[in-house]
Amino acid sequence: MNKPSVFSFFSGCGILDLGFERSGYNVVFVNEFSSAFLSAYKYSRTKMGIAPPKYGYANTDVNVFLNERSDELTGYIEQERSKGNLIGFIGGPPCPDFSVGGKNRGRDGDNGKLSLSY
């Protein structure tokens, strides 16, 4: 059986992804809005000798893949499905708006809205 193919959003510096990879999943796409976090992600993978994701890295708002680039993401998913791979989505949506530090704005906060996109 093929390894399940994982699409990672809100990837941060890649710790969650690394855990999934070490558990037998194949991270095929990574999206992270913060350039600094994405740079750290790429750097650490290079240092550990881990190949880049098959469909690469994206440094953009997650909503771009729900709107103007949805066909691109759908195409990647279909390519993986055509090989008989199970598909999964992982990520760590920003949570400050759900904490006291974020003033408990919840889903109405700037970052809280992103949880709905995820």
PDB file of N, CA and C in Angstrom:
ATOM      1  N   MET A   1       0.842  -1.190   0.000  1.00  0.00           N
ATOM      2  CA  MET A   1       0.000   0.000   0.000  1.00  0.00           C
ATOM      3  C   MET A   1       0.884   1.249   0.000  1.00  0.00           C
ATOM      4  N   ASN A   2       0.462   2.259  -0.738  1.00  0.00           N
ATOM      5  CA  ASN A   2       1.183   3.526  -0.787  1.00  0.00           C
ATOM      6  C   ASN A   2       1.052   4.281   0.524  1.00  0.00           C
ATOM      7  N   LYS A   3       2.011   5.133   0.779  1.00  0.00           N
ATOM      8  CA  LYS A   3       1.912   6.012   1.942  1.00  0.00           C
ATOM      9  C   LYS A   3       0.780   7.009   1.697  1.00  0.00           C
ATOM     10  N   PRO A   4      -0.006   7.345   2.720  1.00  0.00           N
ATOM     11  CA  PRO A   4      -1.019   8.394   2.548  1.00  0.00           C
ATOM     12  C   PRO A   4      -0.340   9.721   2.197  1.00  0.00           C
ATOM     13  N   SER A   5      -0.945  10.463   1.295  1.00  0.00           N
ATOM     14  CA  SER A   5      -0.430  11.755   0.870  1.00  0.00           C
ATOM     15  C   SER A   5      -1.065  12.855   1.704  1.00  0.00           C
ATOM     16  N   VAL A   6      -0.227  13.716   2.287  1.00  0.00           N
ATOM     17  CA  VAL A   6      -0.702  14.755   3.193  1.00  0.00           C
ATOM     18  C   VAL A   6      -0.418  16.132   2.609  1.00  0.00           C
ATOM     19  N   PHE A   7      -1.428  16.981   2.671  1.00  0.00           N
ATOM     20  CA  PHE A   7      -1.320  18.382   2.293  1.00  0.00           C
ATOM     21  C   PHE A   7      -1.303  19.185   3.589  1.00  0.00           C
ATOM     22  N   SER A   8      -0.260  19.966   3.778  1.00  0.00           N
ATOM     23  CA  SER A   8      -0.055  20.672   5.042  1.00  0.00           C
ATOM     24  C   SER A   8      -0.321  22.176   4.883  1.00  0.00           C
ATOM     25  N   PHE A   9      -1.184  22.687   5.731  1.00  0.00           N
ATOM     26  CA  PHE A   9      -1.495  24.122   5.762  1.00  0.00           C
ATOM     27  C   PHE A   9      -1.186  24.659   7.148  1.00  0.00           C
ATOM     28  N   PHE A  10      -0.875  25.957   7.235  1.00  0.00           N
ATOM     29  CA  PHE A  10      -0.465  26.561   8.511  1.00  0.00           C
ATOM     30  C   PHE A  10       0.701  25.729   9.068  1.00  0.00           C
ATOM     31  N   SER A  11       1.674  25.468   8.221  1.00  0.00           N
ATOM     32  CA  SER A  11       2.728  24.499   8.511  1.00  0.00           C
ATOM     33  C   SER A  11       3.763  24.943   9.526  1.00  0.00           C
ATOM     34  N   GLY A  12       3.858  26.240   9.776  1.00  0.00           N
ATOM     35  CA  GLY A  12       4.866  26.717  10.718  1.00  0.00           C
ATOM     36  C   GLY A  12       6.248  26.307  10.277  1.00  0.00           C
ATOM     37  N   CYS A  13       7.068  25.852  11.210  1.00  0.00           N
ATOM     38  CA  CYS A  13       8.433  25.431  10.862  1.00  0.00           C
ATOM     39  C   CYS A  13       8.509  23.933  10.581  1.00  0.00           C
ATOM     40  N   GLY A  14       7.372  23.244  10.547  1.00  0.00           N
ATOM     41  CA  GLY A  14       7.330  21.866  10.066  1.00  0.00           C
ATOM     42  C   GLY A  14       7.353  20.764  11.102  1.00  0.00           C
ATOM     43  N   ILE A  15       7.195  21.087  12.368  1.00  0.00           N
ATOM     44  CA  ILE A  15       7.265  20.049  13.406  1.00  0.00           C
ATOM     45  C   ILE A  15       6.120  19.039  13.267  1.00  0.00           C
ATOM     46  N   LEU A  16       4.903  19.502  13.054  1.00  0.00           N
ATOM     47  CA  LEU A  16       3.770  18.586  12.871  1.00  0.00           C
ATOM     48  C   LEU A  16       4.000  17.700  11.650  1.00  0.00           C
ATOM     49  N   ASP A  17       4.459  18.296  10.575  1.00  0.00           N
ATOM     50  CA  ASP A  17       4.713  17.542   9.349  1.00  0.00           C
ATOM     51  C   ASP A  17       5.761  16.460   9.580  1.00  0.00           C
ATOM     52  N   LEU A  18       6.820  16.803  10.279  1.00  0.00           N
ATOM     53  CA  LEU A  18       7.882  15.850  10.567  1.00  0.00           C
ATOM     54  C   LEU A  18       7.325  14.643  11.340  1.00  0.00           C
ATOM     55  N   GLY A  19       6.467  14.905  12.290  1.00  0.00           N
ATOM     56  CA  GLY A  19       5.846  13.823  13.044  1.00  0.00           C
ATOM     57  C   GLY A  19       5.035  12.901  12.146  1.00  0.00           C
ATOM     58  N   PHE A  20       4.285  13.485  11.236  1.00  0.00           N
ATOM     59  CA  PHE A  20       3.506  12.669  10.302  1.00  0.00           C
ATOM     60  C   PHE A  20       4.422  11.864   9.381  1.00  0.00           C
ATOM     61  N   GLU A  21       5.473  12.500   8.896  1.00  0.00           N
ATOM     62  CA  GLU A  21       6.409  11.790   8.018  1.00  0.00           C
ATOM     63  C   GLU A  21       7.084  10.628   8.749  1.00  0.00           C
ATOM     64  N   ARG A  22       7.466  10.856   9.977  1.00  0.00           N
ATOM     65  CA  ARG A  22       8.115   9.799  10.764  1.00  0.00           C
ATOM     66  C   ARG A  22       7.134   8.668  11.086  1.00  0.00           C
ATOM     67  N   SER A  23       5.832   8.938  10.924  1.00  0.00           N
ATOM     68  CA  SER A  23       4.798   7.917  11.180  1.00  0.00           C
ATOM     69  C   SER A  23       4.310   7.257   9.893  1.00  0.00           C
ATOM     70  N   GLY A  24       4.994   7.537   8.778  1.00  0.00           N
ATOM     71  CA  GLY A  24       4.674   6.846   7.538  1.00  0.00           C
ATOM     72  C   GLY A  24       3.835   7.591   6.528  1.00  0.00           C
ATOM     73  N   TYR A  25       3.615   8.874   6.743  1.00  0.00           N
ATOM     74  CA  TYR A  25       2.855   9.680   5.783  1.00  0.00           C
ATOM     75  C   TYR A  25       3.823  10.393   4.850  1.00  0.00           C
ATOM     76  N   ASN A  26       3.322  10.804   3.697  1.00  0.00           N
ATOM     77  CA  ASN A  26       4.124  11.507   2.719  1.00  0.00           C
ATOM     78  C   ASN A  26       3.579  12.930   2.558  1.00  0.00           C
ATOM     79  N   VAL A  27       4.292  13.925   3.074  1.00  0.00           N
ATOM     80  CA  VAL A  27       3.860  15.321   2.937  1.00  0.00           C
ATOM     81  C   VAL A  27       4.194  15.764   1.513  1.00  0.00           C
ATOM     82  N   VAL A  28       3.153  16.038   0.721  1.00  0.00           N
ATOM     83  CA  VAL A  28       3.339  16.343  -0.701  1.00  0.00           C
ATOM     84  C   VAL A  28       3.183  17.823  -1.037  1.00  0.00           C
ATOM     85  N   PHE A  29       2.650  18.608  -0.104  1.00  0.00           N
ATOM     86  CA  PHE A  29       2.437  20.034  -0.346  1.00  0.00           C
ATOM     87  C   PHE A  29       2.452  20.768   0.986  1.00  0.00           C
ATOM     88  N   VAL A  30       3.079  21.939   0.985  1.00  0.00           N
ATOM     89  CA  VAL A  30       3.205  22.736   2.209  1.00  0.00           C
ATOM     90  C   VAL A  30       2.803  24.173   1.917  1.00  0.00           C
ATOM     91  N   ASN A  31       1.950  24.726   2.773  1.00  0.00           N
ATOM     92  CA  ASN A  31       1.600  26.142   2.686  1.00  0.00           C
ATOM     93  C   ASN A  31       1.802  26.799   4.051  1.00  0.00           C
ATOM     94  N   GLU A  32       2.566  27.878   4.053  1.00  0.00           N
ATOM     95  CA  GLU A  32       2.804  28.660   5.268  1.00  0.00           C
ATOM     96  C   GLU A  32       2.840  30.135   4.892  1.00  0.00           C
ATOM     97  N   PHE A  33       2.059  30.940   5.592  1.00  0.00           N
ATOM     98  CA  PHE A  33       1.959  32.370   5.303  1.00  0.00           C
ATOM     99  C   PHE A  33       3.201  33.147   5.733  1.00  0.00           C
ATOM    100  N   SER A  34       3.784  32.778   6.843  1.00  0.00           N
ATOM    101  CA  SER A  34       4.951  33.491   7.372  1.00  0.00           C
ATOM    102  C   SER A  34       6.224  33.087   6.632  1.00  0.00           C
ATOM    103  N   SER A  35       6.857  34.050   5.991  1.00  0.00           N
ATOM    104  CA  SER A  35       8.099  33.779   5.264  1.00  0.00           C
ATOM    105  C   SER A  35       9.187  33.251   6.190  1.00  0.00           C
ATOM    106  N   ALA A  36       9.249  33.797   7.408  1.00  0.00           N
ATOM    107  CA  ALA A  36      10.275  33.369   8.364  1.00  0.00           C
ATOM    108  C   ALA A  36      10.082  31.899   8.749  1.00  0.00           C
ATOM    109  N   PHE A  37       8.848  31.499   9.031  1.00  0.00           N
ATOM    110  CA  PHE A  37       8.581  30.106   9.374  1.00  0.00           C
ATOM    111  C   PHE A  37       8.864  29.185   8.188  1.00  0.00           C
ATOM    112  N   LEU A  38       8.464  29.616   6.989  1.00  0.00           N
ATOM    113  CA  LEU A  38       8.698  28.778   5.815  1.00  0.00           C
ATOM    114  C   LEU A  38      10.196  28.623   5.541  1.00  0.00           C
ATOM    115  N   SER A  39      10.956  29.678   5.744  1.00  0.00           N
ATOM    116  CA  SER A  39      12.416  29.586   5.581  1.00  0.00           C
ATOM    117  C   SER A  39      13.007  28.595   6.570  1.00  0.00           C
ATOM    118  N   ALA A  40      12.538  28.639   7.814  1.00  0.00           N
ATOM    119  CA  ALA A  40      13.014  27.694   8.832  1.00  0.00           C
ATOM    120  C   ALA A  40      12.623  26.270   8.444  1.00  0.00           C
ATOM    121  N   TYR A  41      11.426  26.093   7.925  1.00  0.00           N
ATOM    122  CA  TYR A  41      10.940  24.783   7.486  1.00  0.00           C
ATOM    123  C   TYR A  41      11.884  24.221   6.422  1.00  0.00           C
ATOM    124  N   LYS A  42      12.148  25.010   5.393  1.00  0.00           N
ATOM    125  CA  LYS A  42      13.010  24.562   4.295  1.00  0.00           C
ATOM    126  C   LYS A  42      14.430  24.274   4.784  1.00  0.00           C
ATOM    127  N   TYR A  43      14.956  25.148   5.604  1.00  0.00           N
ATOM    128  CA  TYR A  43      16.310  24.990   6.115  1.00  0.00           C
ATOM    129  C   TYR A  43      16.459  23.692   6.913  1.00  0.00           C
ATOM    130  N   SER A  44      15.529  23.453   7.814  1.00  0.00           N
ATOM    131  CA  SER A  44      15.636  22.262   8.657  1.00  0.00           C
ATOM    132  C   SER A  44      15.511  20.982   7.836  1.00  0.00           C
ATOM    133  N   ARG A  45      14.637  20.985   6.840  1.00  0.00           N
ATOM    134  CA  ARG A  45      14.489  19.794   5.992  1.00  0.00           C
ATOM    135  C   ARG A  45      15.772  19.535   5.208  1.00  0.00           C
ATOM    136  N   THR A  46      16.392  20.593   4.728  1.00  0.00           N
ATOM    137  CA  THR A  46      17.656  20.445   4.002  1.00  0.00           C
ATOM    138  C   THR A  46      18.721  19.856   4.920  1.00  0.00           C
ATOM    139  N   LYS A  47      18.815  20.387   6.131  1.00  0.00           N
ATOM    140  CA  LYS A  47      19.802  19.898   7.101  1.00  0.00           C
ATOM    141  C   LYS A  47      19.566  18.437   7.479  1.00  0.00           C
ATOM    142  N   MET A  48      18.305  18.003   7.496  1.00  0.00           N
ATOM    143  CA  MET A  48      17.978  16.624   7.861  1.00  0.00           C
ATOM    144  C   MET A  48      17.996  15.685   6.655  1.00  0.00           C
ATOM    145  N   GLY A  49      18.237  16.236   5.467  1.00  0.00           N
ATOM    146  CA  GLY A  49      18.280  15.414   4.261  1.00  0.00           C
ATOM    147  C   GLY A  49      16.919  14.939   3.789  1.00  0.00           C
ATOM    148  N   ILE A  50      15.886  15.702   4.082  1.00  0.00           N
ATOM    149  CA  ILE A  50      14.524  15.352   3.665  1.00  0.00           C
ATOM    150  C   ILE A  50      14.203  16.110   2.379  1.00  0.00           C
ATOM    151  N   ALA A  51      13.739  15.393   1.379  1.00  0.00           N
ATOM    152  CA  ALA A  51      13.418  15.998   0.084  1.00  0.00           C
ATOM    153  C   ALA A  51      12.267  17.002   0.223  1.00  0.00           C
ATOM    154  N   PRO A  52      12.249  18.000  -0.643  1.00  0.00           N
ATOM    155  CA  PRO A  52      11.124  18.948  -0.642  1.00  0.00           C
ATOM    156  C   PRO A  52       9.826  18.233  -1.004  1.00  0.00           C
ATOM    157  N   PRO A  53       8.687  18.800  -0.615  1.00  0.00           N
ATOM    158  CA  PRO A  53       7.410  18.177  -0.973  1.00  0.00           C
ATOM    159  C   PRO A  53       7.233  18.134  -2.494  1.00  0.00           C
ATOM    160  N   LYS A  54       6.593  17.105  -2.941  1.00  0.00           N
ATOM    161  CA  LYS A  54       6.395  16.855  -4.376  1.00  0.00           C
ATOM    162  C   LYS A  54       5.827  18.064  -5.113  1.00  0.00           C
ATOM    163  N   TYR A  55       4.817  18.706  -4.530  1.00  0.00           N
ATOM    164  CA  TYR A  55       4.168  19.840  -5.188  1.00  0.00           C
ATOM    165  C   TYR A  55       4.689  21.174  -4.667  1.00  0.00           C
ATOM    166  N   GLY A  56       5.728  21.127  -3.886  1.00  0.00           N
ATOM    167  CA  GLY A  56       6.417  22.330  -3.471  1.00  0.00           C
ATOM    168  C   GLY A  56       5.839  23.034  -2.257  1.00  0.00           C
ATOM    169  N   TYR A  57       6.355  24.241  -2.099  1.00  0.00           N
ATOM    170  CA  TYR A  57       6.004  25.114  -0.980  1.00  0.00           C
ATOM    171  C   TYR A  57       5.215  26.307  -1.509  1.00  0.00           C
ATOM    172  N   ALA A  58       4.245  26.754  -0.746  1.00  0.00           N
ATOM    173  CA  ALA A  58       3.512  27.974  -1.078  1.00  0.00           C
ATOM    174  C   ALA A  58       3.607  28.910   0.119  1.00  0.00           C
ATOM    175  N   ASN A  59       3.839  30.160  -0.163  1.00  0.00           N
ATOM    176  CA  ASN A  59       3.970  31.181   0.869  1.00  0.00           C
ATOM    177  C   ASN A  59       2.857  32.206   0.654  1.00  0.00           C
ATOM    178  N   THR A  60       1.617  31.780   0.987  1.00  0.00           N
ATOM    179  CA  THR A  60       0.465  32.623   0.708  1.00  0.00           C
ATOM    180  C   THR A  60      -0.650  32.371   1.716  1.00  0.00           C
ATOM    181  N   ASP A  61      -1.646  33.207   1.683  1.00  0.00           N
ATOM    182  CA  ASP A  61      -2.840  33.060   2.514  1.00  0.00           C
ATOM    183  C   ASP A  61      -3.573  31.781   2.107  1.00  0.00           C
ATOM    184  N   VAL A  62      -4.000  31.004   3.063  1.00  0.00           N
ATOM    185  CA  VAL A  62      -4.690  29.742   2.789  1.00  0.00           C
ATOM    186  C   VAL A  62      -5.924  29.959   1.916  1.00  0.00           C
ATOM    187  N   ASN A  63      -6.566  31.105   2.031  1.00  0.00           N
ATOM    188  CA  ASN A  63      -7.776  31.368   1.255  1.00  0.00           C
ATOM    189  C   ASN A  63      -7.517  31.424  -0.246  1.00  0.00           C
ATOM    190  N   VAL A  64      -6.288  31.657  -0.651  1.00  0.00           N
ATOM    191  CA  VAL A  64      -5.944  31.652  -2.069  1.00  0.00           C
ATOM    192  C   VAL A  64      -6.255  30.284  -2.672  1.00  0.00           C
ATOM    193  N   PHE A  65      -6.060  29.207  -1.877  1.00  0.00           N
ATOM    194  CA  PHE A  65      -6.316  27.859  -2.382  1.00  0.00           C
ATOM    195  C   PHE A  65      -7.794  27.488  -2.325  1.00  0.00           C
ATOM    196  N   LEU A  66      -8.600  28.322  -1.721  1.00  0.00           N
ATOM    197  CA  LEU A  66     -10.046  28.124  -1.743  1.00  0.00           C
ATOM    198  C   LEU A  66     -10.687  28.944  -2.862  1.00  0.00           C
ATOM    199  N   ASN A  67      -9.914  29.872  -3.403  1.00  0.00           N
ATOM    200  CA  ASN A  67     -10.446  30.775  -4.422  1.00  0.00           C
ATOM    201  C   ASN A  67      -9.648  30.687  -5.714  1.00  0.00           C
ATOM    202  N   GLU A  68      -8.755  31.648  -5.943  1.00  0.00           N
ATOM    203  CA  GLU A  68      -8.092  31.751  -7.242  1.00  0.00           C
ATOM    204  C   GLU A  68      -7.160  30.592  -7.603  1.00  0.00           C
ATOM    205  N   ARG A  69      -6.670  29.835  -6.654  1.00  0.00           N
ATOM    206  CA  ARG A  69      -5.787  28.699  -6.967  1.00  0.00           C
ATOM    207  C   ARG A  69      -6.434  27.357  -6.605  1.00  0.00           C
ATOM    208  N   SER A  70      -7.738  27.332  -6.508  1.00  0.00           N
ATOM    209  CA  SER A  70      -8.418  26.088  -6.120  1.00  0.00           C
ATOM    210  C   SER A  70      -8.229  24.992  -7.161  1.00  0.00           C
ATOM    211  N   ASP A  71      -8.179  25.348  -8.446  1.00  0.00           N
ATOM    212  CA  ASP A  71      -7.971  24.345  -9.494  1.00  0.00           C
ATOM    213  C   ASP A  71      -6.595  23.693  -9.361  1.00  0.00           C
ATOM    214  N   GLU A  72      -5.608  24.483  -8.967  1.00  0.00           N
ATOM    215  CA  GLU A  72      -4.257  23.950  -8.779  1.00  0.00           C
ATOM    216  C   GLU A  72      -4.247  22.901  -7.661  1.00  0.00           C
ATOM    217  N   LEU A  73      -4.818  23.258  -6.521  1.00  0.00           N
ATOM    218  CA  LEU A  73      -4.860  22.331  -5.393  1.00  0.00           C
ATOM    219  C   LEU A  73      -5.673  21.086  -5.737  1.00  0.00           C
ATOM    220  N   THR A  74      -6.805  21.276  -6.375  1.00  0.00           N
ATOM    221  CA  THR A  74      -7.644  20.148  -6.782  1.00  0.00           C
ATOM    222  C   THR A  74      -6.883  19.218  -7.720  1.00  0.00           C
ATOM    223  N   GLY A  75      -6.095  19.801  -8.615  1.00  0.00           N
ATOM    224  CA  GLY A  75      -5.285  18.995  -9.530  1.00  0.00           C
ATOM    225  C   GLY A  75      -4.278  18.132  -8.799  1.00  0.00           C
ATOM    226  N   TYR A  76      -3.612  18.702  -7.797  1.00  0.00           N
ATOM    227  CA  TYR A  76      -2.651  17.929  -6.996  1.00  0.00           C
ATOM    228  C   TYR A  76      -3.342  16.766  -6.285  1.00  0.00           C
ATOM    229  N   ILE A  77      -4.496  17.070  -5.725  1.00  0.00           N
ATOM    230  CA  ILE A  77      -5.247  16.036  -5.000  1.00  0.00           C
ATOM    231  C   ILE A  77      -5.656  14.911  -5.951  1.00  0.00           C
ATOM    232  N   GLU A  78      -6.136  15.280  -7.116  1.00  0.00           N
ATOM    233  CA  GLU A  78      -6.553  14.270  -8.094  1.00  0.00           C
ATOM    234  C   GLU A  78      -5.376  13.433  -8.572  1.00  0.00           C
ATOM    235  N   GLN A  79      -4.207  14.043  -8.736  1.00  0.00           N
ATOM    236  CA  GLN A  79      -3.017  13.281  -9.130  1.00  0.00           C
ATOM    237  C   GLN A  79      -2.691  12.206  -8.089  1.00  0.00           C
ATOM    238  N   GLU A  80      -2.785  12.570  -6.824  1.00  0.00           N
ATOM    239  CA  GLU A  80      -2.498  11.614  -5.760  1.00  0.00           C
ATOM    240  C   GLU A  80      -3.570  10.526  -5.691  1.00  0.00           C
ATOM    241  N   ARG A  81      -4.808  10.904  -5.857  1.00  0.00           N
ATOM    242  CA  ARG A  81      -5.899   9.913  -5.850  1.00  0.00           C
ATOM    243  C   ARG A  81      -5.771   8.938  -7.009  1.00  0.00           C
ATOM    244  N   SER A  82      -5.339   9.436  -8.170  1.00  0.00           N
ATOM    245  CA  SER A  82      -5.222   8.572  -9.344  1.00  0.00           C
ATOM    246  C   SER A  82      -4.191   7.467  -9.135  1.00  0.00           C
ATOM    247  N   LYS A  83      -3.285   7.658  -8.202  1.00  0.00           N
ATOM    248  CA  LYS A  83      -2.285   6.642  -7.868  1.00  0.00           C
ATOM    249  C   LYS A  83      -2.773   5.707  -6.762  1.00  0.00           C
ATOM    250  N   GLY A  84      -3.996   5.921  -6.317  1.00  0.00           N
ATOM    251  CA  GLY A  84      -4.565   5.086  -5.261  1.00  0.00           C
ATOM    252  C   GLY A  84      -4.156   5.519  -3.865  1.00  0.00           C
ATOM    253  N   ASN A  85      -3.618   6.716  -3.731  1.00  0.00           N
ATOM    254  CA  ASN A  85      -3.177   7.210  -2.423  1.00  0.00           C
ATOM    255  C   ASN A  85      -4.334   7.787  -1.621  1.00  0.00           C
ATOM    256  N   LEU A  86      -4.339   7.499  -0.337  1.00  0.00           N
ATOM    257  CA  LEU A  86      -5.262   8.177   0.560  1.00  0.00           C
ATOM    258  C   LEU A  86      -4.788   9.617   0.709  1.00  0.00           C
ATOM    259  N   ILE A  87      -5.720  10.532   0.905  1.00  0.00           N
ATOM    260  CA  ILE A  87      -5.411  11.952   1.004  1.00  0.00           C
ATOM    261  C   ILE A  87      -5.746  12.448   2.402  1.00  0.00           C
ATOM    262  N   GLY A  88      -4.868  13.286   2.956  1.00  0.00           N
ATOM    263  CA  GLY A  88      -5.127  13.886   4.255  1.00  0.00           C
ATOM    264  C   GLY A  88      -4.706  15.347   4.267  1.00  0.00           C
ATOM    265  N   PHE A  89      -5.292  16.091   5.172  1.00  0.00           N
ATOM    266  CA  PHE A  89      -4.952  17.503   5.364  1.00  0.00           C
ATOM    267  C   PHE A  89      -4.590  17.697   6.828  1.00  0.00           C
ATOM    268  N   ILE A  90      -3.469  18.346   7.068  1.00  0.00           N
ATOM    269  CA  ILE A  90      -3.040  18.640   8.433  1.00  0.00           C
ATOM    270  C   ILE A  90      -2.676  20.108   8.526  1.00  0.00           C
ATOM    271  N   GLY A  91      -2.620  20.612   9.741  1.00  0.00           N
ATOM    272  CA  GLY A  91      -2.184  21.988   9.937  1.00  0.00           C
ATOM    273  C   GLY A  91      -2.472  22.475  11.338  1.00  0.00           C
ATOM    274  N   GLY A  92      -1.917  23.595  11.615  1.00  0.00           N
ATOM    275  CA  GLY A  92      -2.099  24.235  12.911  1.00  0.00           C
ATOM    276  C   GLY A  92      -2.602  25.658  12.729  1.00  0.00           C
ATOM    277  N   PRO A  93      -3.899  25.831  12.453  1.00  0.00           N
ATOM    278  CA  PRO A  93      -4.425  27.181  12.243  1.00  0.00           C
ATOM    279  C   PRO A  93      -4.085  28.088  13.423  1.00  0.00           C
ATOM    280  N   PRO A  94      -3.784  29.338  13.139  1.00  0.00           N
ATOM    281  CA  PRO A  94      -3.413  30.259  14.218  1.00  0.00           C
ATOM    282  C   PRO A  94      -4.509  30.367  15.272  1.00  0.00           C
ATOM    283  N   CYS A  95      -4.108  30.275  16.531  1.00  0.00           N
ATOM    284  CA  CYS A  95      -5.099  30.222  17.601  1.00  0.00           C
ATOM    285  C   CYS A  95      -5.063  31.384  18.595  1.00  0.00           C
ATOM    286  N   PRO A  96      -4.266  32.441  18.387  1.00  0.00           N
ATOM    287  CA  PRO A  96      -4.235  33.504  19.394  1.00  0.00           C
ATOM    288  C   PRO A  96      -5.600  34.107  19.724  1.00  0.00           C
ATOM    289  N   ASP A  97      -6.486  34.172  18.741  1.00  0.00           N
ATOM    290  CA  ASP A  97      -7.799  34.770  18.999  1.00  0.00           C
ATOM    291  C   ASP A  97      -8.672  33.917  19.911  1.00  0.00           C
ATOM    292  N   PHE A  98      -8.227  32.701  20.211  1.00  0.00           N
ATOM    293  CA  PHE A  98      -8.988  31.833  21.100  1.00  0.00           C
ATOM    294  C   PHE A  98      -8.387  31.791  22.499  1.00  0.00           C
ATOM    295  N   SER A  99      -7.494  32.740  22.778  1.00  0.00           N
ATOM    296  CA  SER A  99      -6.831  32.765  24.085  1.00  0.00           C
ATOM    297  C   SER A  99      -7.035  34.117  24.773  1.00  0.00           C
ATOM    298  N   VAL A 100      -6.699  34.158  26.037  1.00  0.00           N
ATOM    299  CA  VAL A 100      -6.775  35.410  26.790  1.00  0.00           C
ATOM    300  C   VAL A 100      -5.860  36.447  26.148  1.00  0.00           C
ATOM    301  N   GLY A 101      -4.655  36.013  25.726  1.00  0.00           N
ATOM    302  CA  GLY A 101      -3.710  36.924  25.079  1.00  0.00           C
ATOM    303  C   GLY A 101      -4.273  37.530  23.807  1.00  0.00           C
ATOM    304  N   GLY A 102      -5.147  36.813  23.143  1.00  0.00           N
ATOM    305  CA  GLY A 102      -5.779  37.292  21.916  1.00  0.00           C
ATOM    306  C   GLY A 102      -7.108  37.960  22.176  1.00  0.00           C
ATOM    307  N   LYS A 103      -7.375  38.263  23.430  1.00  0.00           N
ATOM    308  CA  LYS A 103      -8.592  38.967  23.847  1.00  0.00           C
ATOM    309  C   LYS A 103      -9.863  38.149  23.623  1.00  0.00           C
ATOM    310  N   ASN A 104      -9.698  36.826  23.483  1.00  0.00           N
ATOM    311  CA  ASN A 104     -10.846  35.925  23.318  1.00  0.00           C
ATOM    312  C   ASN A 104     -11.807  36.362  22.219  1.00  0.00           C
ATOM    313  N   ARG A 105     -11.260  36.842  21.114  1.00  0.00           N
ATOM    314  CA  ARG A 105     -12.113  37.265  20.005  1.00  0.00           C
ATOM    315  C   ARG A 105     -12.684  36.077  19.233  1.00  0.00           C
ATOM    316  N   GLY A 106     -12.102  34.898  19.450  1.00  0.00           N
ATOM    317  CA  GLY A 106     -12.621  33.691  18.806  1.00  0.00           C
ATOM    318  C   GLY A 106     -12.652  33.780  17.300  1.00  0.00           C
ATOM    319  N   ARG A 107     -13.678  33.211  16.715  1.00  0.00           N
ATOM    320  CA  ARG A 107     -13.754  33.160  15.254  1.00  0.00           C
ATOM    321  C   ARG A 107     -13.954  34.524  14.609  1.00  0.00           C
ATOM    322  N   ASP A 108     -14.262  35.543  15.403  1.00  0.00           N
ATOM    323  CA  ASP A 108     -14.426  36.887  14.856  1.00  0.00           C
ATOM    324  C   ASP A 108     -13.115  37.659  14.780  1.00  0.00           C
ATOM    325  N   GLY A 109     -12.053  37.140  15.391  1.00  0.00           N
ATOM    326  CA  GLY A 109     -10.747  37.789  15.342  1.00  0.00           C
ATOM    327  C   GLY A 109     -10.094  37.619  13.984  1.00  0.00           C
ATOM    328  N   ASP A 110      -9.063  38.408  13.732  1.00  0.00           N
ATOM    329  CA  ASP A 110      -8.372  38.349  12.438  1.00  0.00           C
ATOM    330  C   ASP A 110      -7.853  36.951  12.131  1.00  0.00           C
ATOM    331  N   ASN A 111      -7.218  36.307  13.107  1.00  0.00           N
ATOM    332  CA  ASN A 111      -6.698  34.960  12.897  1.00  0.00           C
ATOM    333  C   ASN A 111      -7.761  33.893  13.126  1.00  0.00           C
ATOM    334  N   GLY A 112      -8.728  34.170  13.978  1.00  0.00           N
ATOM    335  CA  GLY A 112      -9.796  33.217  14.245  1.00  0.00           C
ATOM    336  C   GLY A 112     -10.578  32.860  12.994  1.00  0.00           C
ATOM    337  N   LYS A 113     -10.715  33.820  12.097  1.00  0.00           N
ATOM    338  CA  LYS A 113     -11.418  33.580  10.836  1.00  0.00           C
ATOM    339  C   LYS A 113     -10.742  32.508   9.989  1.00  0.00           C
ATOM    340  N   LEU A 114      -9.430  32.392  10.165  1.00  0.00           N
ATOM    341  CA  LEU A 114      -8.679  31.406   9.386  1.00  0.00           C
ATOM    342  C   LEU A 114      -9.024  29.971   9.789  1.00  0.00           C
ATOM    343  N   SER A 115      -9.482  29.780  10.991  1.00  0.00           N
ATOM    344  CA  SER A 115      -9.885  28.441  11.422  1.00  0.00           C
ATOM    345  C   SER A 115     -11.053  27.935  10.577  1.00  0.00           C
ATOM    346  N   LEU A 116     -11.926  28.833  10.194  1.00  0.00           N
ATOM    347  CA  LEU A 116     -13.042  28.442   9.335  1.00  0.00           C
ATOM    348  C   LEU A 116     -12.551  28.063   7.936  1.00  0.00           C
ATOM    349  N   SER A 117     -11.528  28.765   7.458  1.00  0.00           N
ATOM    350  CA  SER A 117     -10.951  28.419   6.148  1.00  0.00           C
ATOM    351  C   SER A 117     -10.322  27.039   6.195  1.00  0.00           C
ATOM    352  N   TYR A 118      -9.651  26.755   7.328  1.00  0.00           N
ATOM    353  CA  TYR A 118      -9.001  25.452   7.461  1.00  0.00           C
ATOM    354  C   TYR A 118     -10.044  24.355   7.484  1.00  0.00           C
TER     355      TYR A 118
END
